[in-house]
Amino acid sequence: MLSYLGVPFLGPLVPLVTYLVKRHTSGFVRYHAVRALNLSISALLYTFCVLILGAMLALDSLVFALVISVPLTAALWLAVLGYVIRAASSANRGDSYQIPAWICATIVR
């Protein structure tokens, strides 16, 4: 649960530390740490894509770039926050939770 709750604040740092420390001792913790790490890396990649899009749009008009980029970034982080809350509550109950593939790429196994 700690891995998921660290994603909005510190990005992939908390899930990475949890994964490196607990990967050999607990399969359950490893499963959720990998899911949280994949979600945070995917969210960072999406954020960089929006940043690149905003920079390209800013070459034409700064206002247009902000009108497109800011709501897109807010929607992305709200979606990530929703899946973080669902996955953290599932981990707290002792269940597994599969984050949808459209938002979370499998980077770490």
PDB file of N, CA and C in Angstrom:
ATOM      1  N   MET A   1       0.825  -1.185   0.000  1.00  0.00           N
ATOM      2  CA  MET A   1       0.000   0.000   0.000  1.00  0.00           C
ATOM      3  C   MET A   1       0.872   1.252   0.000  1.00  0.00           C
ATOM      4  N   LEU A   2       1.991   1.193   0.696  1.00  0.00           N
ATOM      5  CA  LEU A   2       2.899   2.332   0.745  1.00  0.00           C
ATOM      6  C   LEU A   2       3.449   2.665  -0.638  1.00  0.00           C
ATOM      7  N   SER A   3       3.687   1.654  -1.456  1.00  0.00           N
ATOM      8  CA  SER A   3       4.193   1.899  -2.810  1.00  0.00           C
ATOM      9  C   SER A   3       3.217   2.729  -3.623  1.00  0.00           C
ATOM     10  N   TYR A   4       1.941   2.403  -3.540  1.00  0.00           N
ATOM     11  CA  TYR A   4       0.945   3.160  -4.292  1.00  0.00           C
ATOM     12  C   TYR A   4       0.794   4.579  -3.761  1.00  0.00           C
ATOM     13  N   LEU A   5       0.801   4.728  -2.458  1.00  0.00           N
ATOM     14  CA  LEU A   5       0.587   6.050  -1.880  1.00  0.00           C
ATOM     15  C   LEU A   5       1.768   6.989  -2.106  1.00  0.00           C
ATOM     16  N   GLY A   6       2.936   6.444  -2.404  1.00  0.00           N
ATOM     17  CA  GLY A   6       4.092   7.276  -2.713  1.00  0.00           C
ATOM     18  C   GLY A   6       4.118   7.784  -4.134  1.00  0.00           C
ATOM     19  N   VAL A   7       3.320   7.189  -5.024  1.00  0.00           N
ATOM     20  CA  VAL A   7       3.339   7.556  -6.446  1.00  0.00           C
ATOM     21  C   VAL A   7       2.972   9.020  -6.688  1.00  0.00           C
ATOM     22  N   PRO A   8       1.884   9.563  -6.122  1.00  0.00           N
ATOM     23  CA  PRO A   8       1.553  10.964  -6.415  1.00  0.00           C
ATOM     24  C   PRO A   8       2.561  11.971  -5.862  1.00  0.00           C
ATOM     25  N   PHE A   9       3.293  11.588  -4.828  1.00  0.00           N
ATOM     26  CA  PHE A   9       4.184  12.550  -4.184  1.00  0.00           C
ATOM     27  C   PHE A   9       5.635  12.449  -4.647  1.00  0.00           C
ATOM     28  N   LEU A  10       6.163  11.248  -4.753  1.00  0.00           N
ATOM     29  CA  LEU A  10       7.574  11.068  -5.084  1.00  0.00           C
ATOM     30  C   LEU A  10       7.802  10.301  -6.380  1.00  0.00           C
ATOM     31  N   GLY A  11       6.747  10.044  -7.121  1.00  0.00           N
ATOM     32  CA  GLY A  11       6.883   9.342  -8.394  1.00  0.00           C
ATOM     33  C   GLY A  11       7.353   7.916  -8.189  1.00  0.00           C
ATOM     34  N   PRO A  12       8.300   7.472  -8.997  1.00  0.00           N
ATOM     35  CA  PRO A  12       8.723   6.070  -8.917  1.00  0.00           C
ATOM     36  C   PRO A  12       9.709   5.765  -7.784  1.00  0.00           C
ATOM     37  N   LEU A  13      10.061   6.731  -6.970  1.00  0.00           N
ATOM     38  CA  LEU A  13      11.072   6.517  -5.933  1.00  0.00           C
ATOM     39  C   LEU A  13      10.606   5.537  -4.861  1.00  0.00           C
ATOM     40  N   VAL A  14       9.445   5.728  -4.286  1.00  0.00           N
ATOM     41  CA  VAL A  14       8.951   4.853  -3.218  1.00  0.00           C
ATOM     42  C   VAL A  14       8.685   3.431  -3.730  1.00  0.00           C
ATOM     43  N   PRO A  15       8.006   3.264  -4.891  1.00  0.00           N
ATOM     44  CA  PRO A  15       7.829   1.889  -5.383  1.00  0.00           C
ATOM     45  C   PRO A  15       9.148   1.199  -5.729  1.00  0.00           C
ATOM     46  N   LEU A  16      10.119   1.955  -6.232  1.00  0.00           N
ATOM     47  CA  LEU A  16      11.415   1.362  -6.566  1.00  0.00           C
ATOM     48  C   LEU A  16      12.143   0.886  -5.320  1.00  0.00           C
ATOM     49  N   VAL A  17      12.143   1.691  -4.269  1.00  0.00           N
ATOM     50  CA  VAL A  17      12.792   1.288  -3.018  1.00  0.00           C
ATOM     51  C   VAL A  17      12.081   0.074  -2.422  1.00  0.00           C
ATOM     52  N   THR A  18      10.758   0.088  -2.427  1.00  0.00           N
ATOM     53  CA  THR A  18      10.006  -1.051  -1.911  1.00  0.00           C
ATOM     54  C   THR A  18      10.296  -2.310  -2.717  1.00  0.00           C
ATOM     55  N   TYR A  19      10.355  -2.169  -4.020  1.00  0.00           N
ATOM     56  CA  TYR A  19      10.649  -3.314  -4.880  1.00  0.00           C
ATOM     57  C   TYR A  19      12.051  -3.863  -4.614  1.00  0.00           C
ATOM     58  N   LEU A  20      13.033  -2.988  -4.506  1.00  0.00           N
ATOM     59  CA  LEU A  20      14.403  -3.450  -4.292  1.00  0.00           C
ATOM     60  C   LEU A  20      14.602  -4.076  -2.920  1.00  0.00           C
ATOM     61  N   VAL A  21      13.899  -3.579  -1.918  1.00  0.00           N
ATOM     62  CA  VAL A  21      14.071  -4.104  -0.560  1.00  0.00           C
ATOM     63  C   VAL A  21      13.297  -5.406  -0.349  1.00  0.00           C
ATOM     64  N   LYS A  22      12.080  -5.491  -0.857  1.00  0.00           N
ATOM     65  CA  LYS A  22      11.196  -6.613  -0.540  1.00  0.00           C
ATOM     66  C   LYS A  22      10.976  -7.607  -1.674  1.00  0.00           C
ATOM     67  N   ARG A  23      11.710  -7.521  -2.768  1.00  0.00           N
ATOM     68  CA  ARG A  23      11.411  -8.384  -3.913  1.00  0.00           C
ATOM     69  C   ARG A  23      11.680  -9.857  -3.656  1.00  0.00           C
ATOM     70  N   HIS A  24      12.601 -10.176  -2.762  1.00  0.00           N
ATOM     71  CA  HIS A  24      12.908 -11.577  -2.494  1.00  0.00           C
ATOM     72  C   HIS A  24      12.172 -12.138  -1.276  1.00  0.00           C
ATOM     73  N   THR A  25      11.612 -11.276  -0.446  1.00  0.00           N
ATOM     74  CA  THR A  25      10.993 -11.760   0.791  1.00  0.00           C
ATOM     75  C   THR A  25       9.498 -11.999   0.681  1.00  0.00           C
ATOM     76  N   SER A  26       8.787 -11.175  -0.079  1.00  0.00           N
ATOM     77  CA  SER A  26       7.333 -11.308  -0.151  1.00  0.00           C
ATOM     78  C   SER A  26       6.863 -11.160  -1.597  1.00  0.00           C
ATOM     79  N   GLY A  27       6.225 -12.183  -2.103  1.00  0.00           N
ATOM     80  CA  GLY A  27       5.685 -12.133  -3.450  1.00  0.00           C
ATOM     81  C   GLY A  27       4.547 -11.142  -3.587  1.00  0.00           C
ATOM     82  N   PHE A  28       3.740 -11.014  -2.525  1.00  0.00           N
ATOM     83  CA  PHE A  28       2.620 -10.085  -2.533  1.00  0.00           C
ATOM     84  C   PHE A  28       3.110  -8.638  -2.606  1.00  0.00           C
ATOM     85  N   VAL A  29       4.104  -8.308  -1.790  1.00  0.00           N
ATOM     86  CA  VAL A  29       4.652  -6.948  -1.795  1.00  0.00           C
ATOM     87  C   VAL A  29       5.349  -6.676  -3.128  1.00  0.00           C
ATOM     88  N   ARG A  30       6.042  -7.662  -3.661  1.00  0.00           N
ATOM     89  CA  ARG A  30       6.714  -7.508  -4.947  1.00  0.00           C
ATOM     90  C   ARG A  30       5.695  -7.231  -6.048  1.00  0.00           C
ATOM     91  N   TYR A  31       4.586  -7.967  -6.052  1.00  0.00           N
ATOM     92  CA  TYR A  31       3.533  -7.785  -7.051  1.00  0.00           C
ATOM     93  C   TYR A  31       3.022  -6.348  -7.051  1.00  0.00           C
ATOM     94  N   HIS A  32       2.685  -5.839  -5.881  1.00  0.00           N
ATOM     95  CA  HIS A  32       2.134  -4.492  -5.793  1.00  0.00           C
ATOM     96  C   HIS A  32       3.198  -3.422  -6.019  1.00  0.00           C
ATOM     97  N   ALA A  33       4.426  -3.669  -5.607  1.00  0.00           N
ATOM     98  CA  ALA A  33       5.498  -2.698  -5.864  1.00  0.00           C
ATOM     99  C   ALA A  33       5.770  -2.584  -7.365  1.00  0.00           C
ATOM    100  N   VAL A  34       5.737  -3.706  -8.070  1.00  0.00           N
ATOM    101  CA  VAL A  34       5.931  -3.684  -9.526  1.00  0.00           C
ATOM    102  C   VAL A  34       4.790  -2.938 -10.198  1.00  0.00           C
ATOM    103  N   ARG A  35       3.555  -3.179  -9.771  1.00  0.00           N
ATOM    104  CA  ARG A  35       2.404  -2.477 -10.356  1.00  0.00           C
ATOM    105  C   ARG A  35       2.504  -0.963 -10.099  1.00  0.00           C
ATOM    106  N   ALA A  36       2.874  -0.581  -8.889  1.00  0.00           N
ATOM    107  CA  ALA A  36       3.009   0.843  -8.572  1.00  0.00           C
ATOM    108  C   ALA A  36       4.154   1.476  -9.355  1.00  0.00           C
ATOM    109  N   LEU A  37       5.250   0.748  -9.513  1.00  0.00           N
ATOM    110  CA  LEU A  37       6.392   1.255 -10.275  1.00  0.00           C
ATOM    111  C   LEU A  37       6.021   1.430 -11.744  1.00  0.00           C
ATOM    112  N   ASN A  38       5.321   0.464 -12.317  1.00  0.00           N
ATOM    113  CA  ASN A  38       4.885   0.584 -13.706  1.00  0.00           C
ATOM    114  C   ASN A  38       3.926   1.750 -13.895  1.00  0.00           C
ATOM    115  N   LEU A  39       3.019   1.936 -12.952  1.00  0.00           N
ATOM    116  CA  LEU A  39       2.068   3.039 -13.047  1.00  0.00           C
ATOM    117  C   LEU A  39       2.779   4.389 -12.951  1.00  0.00           C
ATOM    118  N   SER A  40       3.722   4.519 -12.041  1.00  0.00           N
ATOM    119  CA  SER A  40       4.403   5.808 -11.890  1.00  0.00           C
ATOM    120  C   SER A  40       5.305   6.117 -13.080  1.00  0.00           C
ATOM    121  N   ILE A  41       5.973   5.120 -13.630  1.00  0.00           N
ATOM    122  CA  ILE A  41       6.808   5.353 -14.811  1.00  0.00           C
ATOM    123  C   ILE A  41       5.930   5.700 -16.014  1.00  0.00           C
ATOM    124  N   SER A  42       4.824   5.012 -16.162  1.00  0.00           N
ATOM    125  CA  SER A  42       3.898   5.320 -17.261  1.00  0.00           C
ATOM    126  C   SER A  42       3.358   6.741 -17.136  1.00  0.00           C
ATOM    127  N   ALA A  43       2.991   7.145 -15.931  1.00  0.00           N
ATOM    128  CA  ALA A  43       2.480   8.499 -15.714  1.00  0.00           C
ATOM    129  C   ALA A  43       3.543   9.543 -16.028  1.00  0.00           C
ATOM    130  N   LEU A  44       4.786   9.272 -15.662  1.00  0.00           N
ATOM    131  CA  LEU A  44       5.862  10.209 -15.996  1.00  0.00           C
ATOM    132  C   LEU A  44       6.070  10.304 -17.502  1.00  0.00           C
ATOM    133  N   LEU A  45       6.001   9.182 -18.193  1.00  0.00           N
ATOM    134  CA  LEU A  45       6.144   9.204 -19.653  1.00  0.00           C
ATOM    135  C   LEU A  45       5.002   9.976 -20.307  1.00  0.00           C
ATOM    136  N   TYR A  46       3.770   9.781 -19.827  1.00  0.00           N
ATOM    137  CA  TYR A  46       2.638  10.547 -20.347  1.00  0.00           C
ATOM    138  C   TYR A  46       2.815  12.043 -20.066  1.00  0.00           C
ATOM    139  N   THR A  47       3.320  12.375 -18.897  1.00  0.00           N
ATOM    140  CA  THR A  47       3.539  13.775 -18.557  1.00  0.00           C
ATOM    141  C   THR A  47       4.588  14.407 -19.463  1.00  0.00           C
ATOM    142  N   PHE A  48       5.651  13.681 -19.751  1.00  0.00           N
ATOM    143  CA  PHE A  48       6.666  14.197 -20.675  1.00  0.00           C
ATOM    144  C   PHE A  48       6.089  14.377 -22.081  1.00  0.00           C
ATOM    145  N   CYS A  49       5.211  13.473 -22.498  1.00  0.00           N
ATOM    146  CA  CYS A  49       4.564  13.613 -23.805  1.00  0.00           C
ATOM    147  C   CYS A  49       3.700  14.866 -23.857  1.00  0.00           C
ATOM    148  N   VAL A  50       2.960  15.125 -22.797  1.00  0.00           N
ATOM    149  CA  VAL A  50       2.140  16.339 -22.740  1.00  0.00           C
ATOM    150  C   VAL A  50       3.038  17.572 -22.709  1.00  0.00           C
ATOM    151  N   LEU A  51       4.168  17.496 -22.021  1.00  0.00           N
ATOM    152  CA  LEU A  51       5.111  18.610 -21.984  1.00  0.00           C
ATOM    153  C   LEU A  51       5.670  18.899 -23.375  1.00  0.00           C
ATOM    154  N   ILE A  52       5.997  17.865 -24.115  1.00  0.00           N
ATOM    155  CA  ILE A  52       6.497  18.040 -25.482  1.00  0.00           C
ATOM    156  C   ILE A  52       5.400  18.629 -26.371  1.00  0.00           C
ATOM    157  N   LEU A  53       4.176  18.119 -26.230  1.00  0.00           N
ATOM    158  CA  LEU A  53       3.057  18.656 -26.996  1.00  0.00           C
ATOM    159  C   LEU A  53       2.835  20.132 -26.671  1.00  0.00           C
ATOM    160  N   GLY A  54       2.880  20.469 -25.391  1.00  0.00           N
ATOM    161  CA  GLY A  54       2.709  21.859 -24.985  1.00  0.00           C
ATOM    162  C   GLY A  54       3.817  22.755 -25.515  1.00  0.00           C
ATOM    163  N   ALA A  55       5.045  22.256 -25.534  1.00  0.00           N
ATOM    164  CA  ALA A  55       6.156  23.042 -26.075  1.00  0.00           C
ATOM    165  C   ALA A  55       5.986  23.264 -27.573  1.00  0.00           C
ATOM    166  N   MET A  56       5.516  22.240 -28.273  1.00  0.00           N
ATOM    167  CA  MET A  56       5.299  22.399 -29.713  1.00  0.00           C
ATOM    168  C   MET A  56       4.150  23.374 -29.998  1.00  0.00           C
ATOM    169  N   LEU A  57       3.103  23.299 -29.194  1.00  0.00           N
ATOM    170  CA  LEU A  57       1.987  24.225 -29.375  1.00  0.00           C
ATOM    171  C   LEU A  57       2.368  25.643 -28.965  1.00  0.00           C
ATOM    172  N   ALA A  58       3.283  25.778 -28.018  1.00  0.00           N
ATOM    173  CA  ALA A  58       3.717  27.105 -27.571  1.00  0.00           C
ATOM    174  C   ALA A  58       4.502  27.833 -28.649  1.00  0.00           C
ATOM    175  N   LEU A  59       5.033  27.095 -29.603  1.00  0.00           N
ATOM    176  CA  LEU A  59       5.716  27.760 -30.714  1.00  0.00           C
ATOM    177  C   LEU A  59       4.743  28.586 -31.536  1.00  0.00           C
ATOM    178  N   ASP A  60       3.479  28.182 -31.549  1.00  0.00           N
ATOM    179  CA  ASP A  60       2.461  28.930 -32.273  1.00  0.00           C
ATOM    180  C   ASP A  60       1.779  29.947 -31.363  1.00  0.00           C
ATOM    181  N   SER A  61       1.253  29.470 -30.237  1.00  0.00           N
ATOM    182  CA  SER A  61       0.537  30.353 -29.321  1.00  0.00           C
ATOM    183  C   SER A  61       0.645  29.804 -27.898  1.00  0.00           C
ATOM    184  N   LEU A  62       1.111  30.626 -26.985  1.00  0.00           N
ATOM    185  CA  LEU A  62       1.264  30.211 -25.594  1.00  0.00           C
ATOM    186  C   LEU A  62      -0.095  29.946 -24.948  1.00  0.00           C
ATOM    187  N   VAL A  63      -1.071  30.767 -25.259  1.00  0.00           N
ATOM    188  CA  VAL A  63      -2.403  30.595 -24.680  1.00  0.00           C
ATOM    189  C   VAL A  63      -3.015  29.272 -25.143  1.00  0.00           C
ATOM    190  N   PHE A  64      -2.901  28.972 -26.431  1.00  0.00           N
ATOM    191  CA  PHE A  64      -3.428  27.716 -26.956  1.00  0.00           C
ATOM    192  C   PHE A  64      -2.721  26.521 -26.326  1.00  0.00           C
ATOM    193  N   ALA A  65      -1.409  26.631 -26.134  1.00  0.00           N
ATOM    194  CA  ALA A  65      -0.648  25.554 -25.506  1.00  0.00           C
ATOM    195  C   ALA A  65      -1.122  25.321 -24.082  1.00  0.00           C
ATOM    196  N   LEU A  66      -1.366  26.377 -23.337  1.00  0.00           N
ATOM    197  CA  LEU A  66      -1.840  26.235 -21.962  1.00  0.00           C
ATOM    198  C   LEU A  66      -3.265  25.691 -21.908  1.00  0.00           C
ATOM    199  N   VAL A  67      -4.101  26.115 -22.840  1.00  0.00           N
ATOM    200  CA  VAL A  67      -5.491  25.648 -22.870  1.00  0.00           C
ATOM    201  C   VAL A  67      -5.543  24.144 -23.149  1.00  0.00           C
ATOM    202  N   ILE A  68      -4.635  23.643 -23.938  1.00  0.00           N
ATOM    203  CA  ILE A  68      -4.611  22.215 -24.256  1.00  0.00           C
ATOM    204  C   ILE A  68      -3.845  21.421 -23.195  1.00  0.00           C
ATOM    205  N   SER A  69      -2.682  21.881 -22.799  1.00  0.00           N
ATOM    206  CA  SER A  69      -1.778  21.099 -21.943  1.00  0.00           C
ATOM    207  C   SER A  69      -2.233  21.002 -20.488  1.00  0.00           C
ATOM    208  N   VAL A  70      -2.703  22.071 -19.916  1.00  0.00           N
ATOM    209  CA  VAL A  70      -3.066  22.060 -18.494  1.00  0.00           C
ATOM    210  C   VAL A  70      -4.248  21.121 -18.213  1.00  0.00           C
ATOM    211  N   PRO A  71      -5.355  21.201 -18.963  1.00  0.00           N
ATOM    212  CA  PRO A  71      -6.437  20.238 -18.695  1.00  0.00           C
ATOM    213  C   PRO A  71      -6.055  18.794 -18.999  1.00  0.00           C
ATOM    214  N   LEU A  72      -5.224  18.597 -20.013  1.00  0.00           N
ATOM    215  CA  LEU A  72      -4.781  17.252 -20.347  1.00  0.00           C
ATOM    216  C   LEU A  72      -3.930  16.665 -19.221  1.00  0.00           C
ATOM    217  N   THR A  73      -3.048  17.466 -18.669  1.00  0.00           N
ATOM    218  CA  THR A  73      -2.224  17.019 -17.546  1.00  0.00           C
ATOM    219  C   THR A  73      -3.076  16.766 -16.299  1.00  0.00           C
ATOM    220  N   ALA A  74      -4.025  17.639 -16.044  1.00  0.00           N
ATOM    221  CA  ALA A  74      -4.905  17.455 -14.878  1.00  0.00           C
ATOM    222  C   ALA A  74      -5.735  16.182 -15.021  1.00  0.00           C
ATOM    223  N   ALA A  75      -6.257  15.916 -16.214  1.00  0.00           N
ATOM    224  CA  ALA A  75      -7.045  14.702 -16.429  1.00  0.00           C
ATOM    225  C   ALA A  75      -6.188  13.456 -16.269  1.00  0.00           C
ATOM    226  N   LEU A  76      -4.969  13.526 -16.759  1.00  0.00           N
ATOM    227  CA  LEU A  76      -4.049  12.394 -16.623  1.00  0.00           C
ATOM    228  C   LEU A  76      -3.769  12.099 -15.158  1.00  0.00           C
ATOM    229  N   TRP A  77      -3.438  13.108 -14.385  1.00  0.00           N
ATOM    230  CA  TRP A  77      -3.093  12.882 -12.985  1.00  0.00           C
ATOM    231  C   TRP A  77      -4.319  12.516 -12.142  1.00  0.00           C
ATOM    232  N   LEU A  78      -5.492  12.989 -12.511  1.00  0.00           N
ATOM    233  CA  LEU A  78      -6.696  12.545 -11.802  1.00  0.00           C
ATOM    234  C   LEU A  78      -6.987  11.072 -12.078  1.00  0.00           C
ATOM    235  N   ALA A  79      -6.765  10.645 -13.324  1.00  0.00           N
ATOM    236  CA  ALA A  79      -6.950   9.225 -13.651  1.00  0.00           C
ATOM    237  C   ALA A  79      -5.943   8.369 -12.899  1.00  0.00           C
ATOM    238  N   VAL A  80      -4.701   8.812 -12.866  1.00  0.00           N
ATOM    239  CA  VAL A  80      -3.661   8.068 -12.137  1.00  0.00           C
ATOM    240  C   VAL A  80      -3.988   8.026 -10.651  1.00  0.00           C
ATOM    241  N   LEU A  81      -4.432   9.137 -10.103  1.00  0.00           N
ATOM    242  CA  LEU A  81      -4.794   9.176  -8.685  1.00  0.00           C
ATOM    243  C   LEU A  81      -5.949   8.233  -8.384  1.00  0.00           C
ATOM    244  N   GLY A  82      -6.918   8.156  -9.278  1.00  0.00           N
ATOM    245  CA  GLY A  82      -8.032   7.223  -9.080  1.00  0.00           C
ATOM    246  C   GLY A  82      -7.565   5.780  -9.047  1.00  0.00           C
ATOM    247  N   TYR A  83      -6.672   5.412  -9.963  1.00  0.00           N
ATOM    248  CA  TYR A  83      -6.157   4.036  -9.972  1.00  0.00           C
ATOM    249  C   TYR A  83      -5.218   3.773  -8.799  1.00  0.00           C
ATOM    250  N   VAL A  84      -4.508   4.789  -8.355  1.00  0.00           N
ATOM    251  CA  VAL A  84      -3.654   4.627  -7.171  1.00  0.00           C
ATOM    252  C   VAL A  84      -4.508   4.346  -5.942  1.00  0.00           C
ATOM    253  N   ILE A  85      -5.600   5.065  -5.796  1.00  0.00           N
ATOM    254  CA  ILE A  85      -6.485   4.859  -4.640  1.00  0.00           C
ATOM    255  C   ILE A  85      -7.123   3.471  -4.686  1.00  0.00           C
ATOM    256  N   ARG A  86      -7.584   3.067  -5.873  1.00  0.00           N
ATOM    257  CA  ARG A  86      -8.182   1.732  -6.000  1.00  0.00           C
ATOM    258  C   ARG A  86      -7.173   0.633  -5.690  1.00  0.00           C
ATOM    259  N   ALA A  87      -5.968   0.770  -6.238  1.00  0.00           N
ATOM    260  CA  ALA A  87      -4.956  -0.264  -6.037  1.00  0.00           C
ATOM    261  C   ALA A  87      -4.460  -0.288  -4.594  1.00  0.00           C
ATOM    262  N   ALA A  88      -4.326   0.880  -3.975  1.00  0.00           N
ATOM    263  CA  ALA A  88      -3.862   0.929  -2.585  1.00  0.00           C
ATOM    264  C   ALA A  88      -4.892   0.307  -1.647  1.00  0.00           C
ATOM    265  N   SER A  89      -6.161   0.575  -1.878  1.00  0.00           N
ATOM    266  CA  SER A  89      -7.186  -0.035  -1.016  1.00  0.00           C
ATOM    267  C   SER A  89      -7.255  -1.543  -1.249  1.00  0.00           C
ATOM    268  N   SER A  90      -7.035  -1.973  -2.476  1.00  0.00           N
ATOM    269  CA  SER A  90      -7.001  -3.406  -2.761  1.00  0.00           C
ATOM    270  C   SER A  90      -5.810  -4.071  -2.081  1.00  0.00           C
ATOM    271  N   ALA A  91      -4.644  -3.422  -2.121  1.00  0.00           N
ATOM    272  CA  ALA A  91      -3.461  -3.969  -1.455  1.00  0.00           C
ATOM    273  C   ALA A  91      -3.654  -4.004   0.053  1.00  0.00           C
ATOM    274  N   ASN A  92      -4.338  -3.015   0.591  1.00  0.00           N
ATOM    275  CA  ASN A  92      -4.587  -2.980   2.025  1.00  0.00           C
ATOM    276  C   ASN A  92      -5.504  -4.130   2.457  1.00  0.00           C
ATOM    277  N   ARG A  93      -6.444  -4.507   1.590  1.00  0.00           N
ATOM    278  CA  ARG A  93      -7.334  -5.634   1.885  1.00  0.00           C
ATOM    279  C   ARG A  93      -6.657  -6.982   1.681  1.00  0.00           C
ATOM    280  N   GLY A  94      -5.521  -6.994   0.988  1.00  0.00           N
ATOM    281  CA  GLY A  94      -4.821  -8.244   0.717  1.00  0.00           C
ATOM    282  C   GLY A  94      -5.181  -8.856  -0.621  1.00  0.00           C
ATOM    283  N   ASP A  95      -5.831  -8.081  -1.481  1.00  0.00           N
ATOM    284  CA  ASP A  95      -6.223  -8.550  -2.802  1.00  0.00           C
ATOM    285  C   ASP A  95      -5.235  -8.054  -3.854  1.00  0.00           C
ATOM    286  N   SER A  96      -5.292  -8.676  -5.016  1.00  0.00           N
ATOM    287  CA  SER A  96      -4.500  -8.181  -6.140  1.00  0.00           C
ATOM    288  C   SER A  96      -5.388  -7.289  -6.995  1.00  0.00           C
ATOM    289  N   TYR A  97      -4.793  -6.328  -7.650  1.00  0.00           N
ATOM    290  CA  TYR A  97      -5.527  -5.395  -8.493  1.00  0.00           C
ATOM    291  C   TYR A  97      -4.766  -5.216  -9.789  1.00  0.00           C
ATOM    292  N   GLN A  98      -5.435  -5.411 -10.900  1.00  0.00           N
ATOM    293  CA  GLN A  98      -4.811  -5.251 -12.205  1.00  0.00           C
ATOM    294  C   GLN A  98      -5.159  -3.870 -12.745  1.00  0.00           C
ATOM    295  N   ILE A  99      -4.173  -3.009 -12.888  1.00  0.00           N
ATOM    296  CA  ILE A  99      -4.382  -1.677 -13.445  1.00  0.00           C
ATOM    297  C   ILE A  99      -4.549  -1.833 -14.955  1.00  0.00           C
ATOM    298  N   PRO A 100      -5.527  -1.155 -15.562  1.00  0.00           N
ATOM    299  CA  PRO A 100      -5.770  -1.333 -16.996  1.00  0.00           C
ATOM    300  C   PRO A 100      -4.537  -1.001 -17.843  1.00  0.00           C
ATOM    301  N   ALA A 101      -4.392  -1.747 -18.927  1.00  0.00           N
ATOM    302  CA  ALA A 101      -3.215  -1.593 -19.789  1.00  0.00           C
ATOM    303  C   ALA A 101      -3.225  -0.275 -20.560  1.00  0.00           C
ATOM    304  N   TRP A 102      -4.359   0.379 -20.693  1.00  0.00           N
ATOM    305  CA  TRP A 102      -4.392   1.630 -21.451  1.00  0.00           C
ATOM    306  C   TRP A 102      -3.693   2.762 -20.702  1.00  0.00           C
ATOM    307  N   ILE A 103      -3.554   2.634 -19.405  1.00  0.00           N
ATOM    308  CA  ILE A 103      -2.882   3.696 -18.640  1.00  0.00           C
ATOM    309  C   ILE A 103      -1.562   3.239 -18.057  1.00  0.00           C
ATOM    310  N   CYS A 104      -1.344   1.945 -17.962  1.00  0.00           N
ATOM    311  CA  CYS A 104      -0.154   1.432 -17.298  1.00  0.00           C
ATOM    312  C   CYS A 104       0.558   0.425 -18.184  1.00  0.00           C
ATOM    313  N   ALA A 105       1.696   0.807 -18.711  1.00  0.00           N
ATOM    314  CA  ALA A 105       2.500  -0.100 -19.531  1.00  0.00           C
ATOM    315  C   ALA A 105       3.311  -1.031 -18.620  1.00  0.00           C
ATOM    316  N   THR A 106       3.560  -2.249 -19.082  1.00  0.00           N
ATOM    317  CA  THR A 106       4.375  -3.177 -18.322  1.00  0.00           C
ATOM    318  C   THR A 106       5.840  -2.909 -18.667  1.00  0.00           C
ATOM    319  N   ILE A 107       6.538  -2.274 -17.760  1.00  0.00           N
ATOM    320  CA  ILE A 107       7.938  -1.928 -17.958  1.00  0.00           C
ATOM    321  C   ILE A 107       8.820  -2.820 -17.094  1.00  0.00           C
ATOM    322  N   VAL A 108       8.430  -2.998 -15.836  1.00  0.00           N
ATOM    323  CA  VAL A 108       9.161  -3.849 -14.894  1.00  0.00           C
ATOM    324  C   VAL A 108       8.306  -5.077 -14.644  1.00  0.00           C
ATOM    325  N   ARG A 109       8.939  -6.238 -14.602  1.00  0.00           N
ATOM    326  CA  ARG A 109       8.185  -7.475 -14.343  1.00  0.00           C
ATOM    327  C   ARG A 109       8.531  -8.044 -13.010  1.00  0.00           C
TER     328      ARG A 109
END
